Amino acid sequence: MQIKTIASSSAGNCYLVSSRDSSLMIECGIPIAKIKKAMDFDLSAVAGCLCTHEHADHSKAAKDLMRAGVDCYMSAGTAGEIGAAGHRLKTIVANIQVKIGPWTVLPFGAVHDAAEPLSFLVANGDENLLFATDTAYIKHRCPGLNYIMVECNYTMERLNENIAAGAVPECTKPRLLRSHMNLDNVLDMLRANDLSRVREIHLMHLSSRNSDAARMKREVAALTGIQTFICGE
C-alpha cells in the first residue's frame, strides 16, 4: 500500500491509500478544490471515500465528492448530522464488513463526541491497514496488521504546560481526554497489539499547540522498531 497525506491537522484531514491501481480516500475535511488539486484533477481511480464522523475537519467535502461521482461511506449518524443523501451516500454499520471495489472495509466504533463515529480496518489483497483518528482509545486488538494510521493528537505534558501558561483554556482538557488520543494511549495501543507484520506507522491529526512531533515520532519508533512517519511532514 502507498499512503498519501493530503491534509492532517485540526484544520482538515484527508488521506489517500492506494494499492493495485485503486485508491481509497479516507476523510475529506478540506475544500474539494484542494482535494482535486492534490489528485491532479482526476478522481477516477478513487473507489470511494470513508468518513469517520461529521466534524467539518473530517467531512467538509463529502457532499461535493458525491456530486463529483465519488461514493462516500459513513454511518447513518454521520450522514444525518451533515445532511448527506442520494445514491452516492453509502451508510455503513459498525462491525459489518463492506466491499468497495477491490477494498474490504470493517468499520468499528470510535470513542469521540460525535453522533456515530467509526474507525476502520481496510484490506486490499493480502495487505491491511488500521485507520483510527478522533478517538480517545481503540477498543479492540487488531491481529496481523501491515500498516497503522493512528491519531496522536497531544502529549499530556505539552497540554498541561499550555494550560499553566494560559495558552490553552483549562476547560478544553476534559474534552480532549474523552475524545482524542494522546501519545500515552498510542503507546499503550501499540504494546497491546502484535506488530510483527507492521511495515509502517503513520501518526495523524497532531494538535498545532499540544503536540510534540519529534518526541512522538521518536518514542513510537523506539518502542516498536518500525519506520514511523508524521502525516503532513
Foldseek 3Di string as FASTA:
>chain_A
DDKAWLDFAPQAGWIWDDDDQAIEIEFDLDAVVSVCVVVVNDCPRYLAYEFFAQDNRGCVCVQVVVVVPHAYEEAPQRCVVVVDDDPSYHYDDAQDWDDRPQKIKHWHFAFAPGRTGTWIWIDGPQAIETGEWFHLADPDEDAPHAEYEYEAAAAPVQVVVCCVVVNDPPVCVVRCNRTGYHLVRVLVNVVVYDCVNYAEYEYGHYYPRGHDVVVSQVVVCVSPVHHYYYHPD
